Amino acid sequence: MKKLRDLLNQESLNGLRVRYADWNHRIRFFQVDSIDQEGRVLGTLDNGEKVTYASESDFWRVYHDGDEDSAKAV
């Protein structure tokens, strides 16, 4: 799987969904809305909550929409 930082130079991130483990070891999913000028990822969780995360991480894994159920733990 590609790391998120490998995708930052693509023109369109529409529909890109990201799975990650938060600090409480919960698996969460969000859709990438945009990436700001400082490289932070702006997105929306499945519950509608807006979130911001640093884009430079070795813990990101990117999946196509619909693949979340088959994704293995990070």
N, C-alpha and C. Protein backbone atom coordinates (compact mmCIF):
# COMPACT_ATOMS: atom_id res chain seq x y z
N MET A 1 0.83 -1.18 0.00
CA MET A 1 0.00 0.00 0.00
C MET A 1 0.88 1.25 0.00
N LYS A 2 0.41 2.27 -0.66
CA LYS A 2 1.15 3.53 -0.71
C LYS A 2 0.99 4.27 0.61
N LYS A 3 2.04 4.97 1.01
CA LYS A 3 1.93 5.85 2.16
C LYS A 3 1.27 7.14 1.72
N LEU A 4 0.59 7.80 2.64
CA LEU A 4 -0.13 9.02 2.31
C LEU A 4 0.80 10.07 1.73
N ARG A 5 1.99 10.21 2.27
CA ARG A 5 2.90 11.24 1.77
C ARG A 5 3.29 11.01 0.32
N ASP A 6 3.20 9.76 -0.15
CA ASP A 6 3.49 9.47 -1.56
C ASP A 6 2.40 9.99 -2.48
N LEU A 7 1.22 10.28 -1.93
CA LEU A 7 0.09 10.72 -2.72
C LEU A 7 -0.12 12.23 -2.68
N LEU A 8 0.68 12.95 -1.89
CA LEU A 8 0.44 14.36 -1.66
C LEU A 8 0.55 15.21 -2.92
N ASN A 9 1.32 14.80 -3.88
CA ASN A 9 1.51 15.60 -5.08
C ASN A 9 0.46 15.34 -6.15
N GLN A 10 -0.46 14.42 -5.90
CA GLN A 10 -1.52 14.17 -6.86
C GLN A 10 -2.52 15.31 -6.83
N GLU A 11 -3.09 15.63 -7.98
CA GLU A 11 -4.01 16.76 -8.07
C GLU A 11 -5.32 16.50 -7.35
N SER A 12 -5.81 15.28 -7.37
CA SER A 12 -7.12 15.01 -6.79
C SER A 12 -7.03 13.94 -5.71
N LEU A 13 -7.56 14.25 -4.54
CA LEU A 13 -7.64 13.28 -3.45
C LEU A 13 -9.09 12.93 -3.17
N ASN A 14 -9.99 13.28 -4.08
CA ASN A 14 -11.41 13.04 -3.86
C ASN A 14 -11.68 11.57 -3.61
N GLY A 15 -12.39 11.27 -2.53
CA GLY A 15 -12.78 9.91 -2.22
C GLY A 15 -11.72 9.07 -1.54
N LEU A 16 -10.53 9.64 -1.31
CA LEU A 16 -9.47 8.89 -0.64
C LEU A 16 -9.84 8.68 0.81
N ARG A 17 -9.89 7.43 1.24
CA ARG A 17 -10.22 7.12 2.63
C ARG A 17 -8.99 6.51 3.29
N VAL A 18 -8.76 6.91 4.54
CA VAL A 18 -7.56 6.50 5.26
C VAL A 18 -7.97 5.79 6.54
N ARG A 19 -7.29 4.69 6.82
CA ARG A 19 -7.49 3.96 8.07
C ARG A 19 -6.24 4.17 8.91
N TYR A 20 -6.42 4.42 10.20
CA TYR A 20 -5.27 4.61 11.07
C TYR A 20 -5.61 4.19 12.48
N ALA A 21 -4.59 3.95 13.28
CA ALA A 21 -4.76 3.65 14.70
C ALA A 21 -4.45 4.93 15.47
N ASP A 22 -5.41 5.38 16.30
CA ASP A 22 -5.17 6.60 17.07
C ASP A 22 -4.37 6.26 18.33
N TRP A 23 -4.14 7.28 19.16
CA TRP A 23 -3.32 7.09 20.36
C TRP A 23 -3.93 6.11 21.34
N ASN A 24 -5.24 5.90 21.27
CA ASN A 24 -5.92 4.94 22.15
C ASN A 24 -6.03 3.57 21.49
N HIS A 25 -5.30 3.37 20.40
CA HIS A 25 -5.26 2.10 19.66
C HIS A 25 -6.60 1.74 19.04
N ARG A 26 -7.44 2.73 18.80
CA ARG A 26 -8.69 2.50 18.08
C ARG A 26 -8.42 2.63 16.59
N ILE A 27 -9.01 1.75 15.80
CA ILE A 27 -8.92 1.87 14.35
C ILE A 27 -9.99 2.85 13.91
N ARG A 28 -9.58 3.89 13.18
CA ARG A 28 -10.53 4.91 12.72
C ARG A 28 -10.37 5.09 11.22
N PHE A 29 -11.41 5.61 10.60
CA PHE A 29 -11.40 5.87 9.16
C PHE A 29 -11.80 7.31 8.92
N PHE A 30 -11.16 7.96 7.96
CA PHE A 30 -11.63 9.28 7.56
C PHE A 30 -11.38 9.47 6.07
N GLN A 31 -12.16 10.39 5.52
CA GLN A 31 -11.99 10.74 4.12
C GLN A 31 -11.17 12.01 4.04
N VAL A 32 -10.17 12.02 3.17
CA VAL A 32 -9.32 13.20 2.99
C VAL A 32 -10.10 14.25 2.21
N ASP A 33 -10.21 15.45 2.80
CA ASP A 33 -10.86 16.56 2.12
C ASP A 33 -9.85 17.42 1.38
N SER A 34 -8.69 17.65 2.02
CA SER A 34 -7.65 18.46 1.40
C SER A 34 -6.37 18.33 2.21
N ILE A 35 -5.31 18.92 1.69
CA ILE A 35 -4.04 18.99 2.40
C ILE A 35 -3.62 20.45 2.38
N ASP A 36 -3.37 21.01 3.57
CA ASP A 36 -3.08 22.44 3.63
C ASP A 36 -1.64 22.74 3.21
N GLN A 37 -1.28 24.02 3.19
CA GLN A 37 0.03 24.45 2.71
C GLN A 37 1.17 23.96 3.59
N GLU A 38 0.86 23.65 4.85
CA GLU A 38 1.88 23.15 5.77
C GLU A 38 1.96 21.62 5.76
N GLY A 39 1.17 20.98 4.91
CA GLY A 39 1.23 19.53 4.78
C GLY A 39 0.32 18.76 5.70
N ARG A 40 -0.55 19.45 6.43
CA ARG A 40 -1.49 18.74 7.30
C ARG A 40 -2.66 18.22 6.48
N VAL A 41 -3.13 17.04 6.85
CA VAL A 41 -4.27 16.42 6.19
C VAL A 41 -5.55 16.88 6.89
N LEU A 42 -6.48 17.44 6.12
CA LEU A 42 -7.78 17.86 6.64
C LEU A 42 -8.79 16.84 6.15
N GLY A 43 -9.58 16.30 7.07
CA GLY A 43 -10.51 15.25 6.67
C GLY A 43 -11.76 15.21 7.51
N THR A 44 -12.61 14.22 7.22
CA THR A 44 -13.88 14.04 7.91
C THR A 44 -13.99 12.58 8.33
N LEU A 45 -14.22 12.37 9.64
CA LEU A 45 -14.44 11.02 10.15
C LEU A 45 -15.79 10.51 9.68
N ASP A 46 -16.01 9.21 9.79
CA ASP A 46 -17.28 8.62 9.38
C ASP A 46 -18.47 9.22 10.12
N ASN A 47 -18.25 9.72 11.35
CA ASN A 47 -19.34 10.32 12.13
C ASN A 47 -19.56 11.79 11.78
N GLY A 48 -18.82 12.33 10.80
CA GLY A 48 -18.99 13.71 10.36
C GLY A 48 -18.05 14.70 11.02
N GLU A 49 -17.32 14.27 12.04
CA GLU A 49 -16.38 15.15 12.74
C GLU A 49 -15.22 15.52 11.83
N LYS A 50 -14.86 16.81 11.80
CA LYS A 50 -13.72 17.29 11.02
C LYS A 50 -12.44 17.07 11.83
N VAL A 51 -11.38 16.61 11.17
CA VAL A 51 -10.13 16.31 11.84
C VAL A 51 -8.95 16.85 11.04
N THR A 52 -7.82 17.04 11.72
CA THR A 52 -6.58 17.47 11.09
C THR A 52 -5.45 16.61 11.64
N TYR A 53 -4.60 16.10 10.75
CA TYR A 53 -3.49 15.26 11.17
C TYR A 53 -2.24 15.62 10.38
N ALA A 54 -1.09 15.38 11.00
CA ALA A 54 0.18 15.56 10.29
C ALA A 54 0.26 14.52 9.18
N SER A 55 0.74 14.91 8.02
CA SER A 55 0.80 13.98 6.90
C SER A 55 2.06 13.12 6.90
N GLU A 56 3.08 13.53 7.62
CA GLU A 56 4.32 12.76 7.65
C GLU A 56 4.26 11.72 8.77
N SER A 57 3.95 10.50 8.41
CA SER A 57 3.86 9.43 9.39
C SER A 57 4.14 8.11 8.70
N ASP A 58 4.84 7.23 9.39
CA ASP A 58 5.06 5.89 8.85
C ASP A 58 3.89 4.96 9.19
N PHE A 59 2.86 5.48 9.85
CA PHE A 59 1.75 4.65 10.28
C PHE A 59 0.55 4.72 9.34
N TRP A 60 0.59 5.57 8.32
CA TRP A 60 -0.52 5.70 7.38
C TRP A 60 -0.56 4.52 6.43
N ARG A 61 -1.76 4.08 6.13
CA ARG A 61 -1.97 3.10 5.07
C ARG A 61 -3.20 3.55 4.30
N VAL A 62 -3.14 3.50 2.99
CA VAL A 62 -4.21 4.02 2.15
C VAL A 62 -4.94 2.86 1.48
N TYR A 63 -6.27 2.91 1.50
CA TYR A 63 -7.10 1.87 0.90
C TYR A 63 -8.12 2.52 0.00
N HIS A 64 -8.56 1.82 -1.01
CA HIS A 64 -9.63 2.32 -1.86
C HIS A 64 -10.95 2.23 -1.11
N ASP A 65 -11.88 3.10 -1.44
CA ASP A 65 -13.19 3.10 -0.81
C ASP A 65 -13.82 1.71 -0.95
N GLY A 66 -14.31 1.17 0.16
CA GLY A 66 -14.93 -0.15 0.16
C GLY A 66 -14.00 -1.25 0.64
N ASP A 67 -12.70 -0.96 0.73
CA ASP A 67 -11.74 -1.98 1.16
C ASP A 67 -11.52 -1.99 2.67
N GLU A 68 -12.20 -1.13 3.41
CA GLU A 68 -11.96 -1.01 4.84
C GLU A 68 -12.17 -2.32 5.59
N ASP A 69 -13.19 -3.09 5.19
CA ASP A 69 -13.51 -4.32 5.90
C ASP A 69 -12.44 -5.38 5.74
N SER A 70 -11.71 -5.35 4.65
CA SER A 70 -10.67 -6.35 4.42
C SER A 70 -9.29 -5.87 4.85
N ALA A 71 -9.21 -4.64 5.35
CA ALA A 71 -7.91 -4.08 5.75
C ALA A 71 -7.38 -4.80 6.99
N LYS A 72 -6.12 -5.07 6.98
CA LYS A 72 -5.46 -5.69 8.13
C LYS A 72 -5.04 -4.60 9.11
N ALA A 73 -4.82 -4.98 10.35
CA ALA A 73 -4.39 -4.01 11.37
C ALA A 73 -3.01 -3.48 11.01
N VAL A 74 -2.79 -2.21 11.33
CA VAL A 74 -1.49 -1.58 11.07
C VAL A 74 -0.49 -2.12 12.07
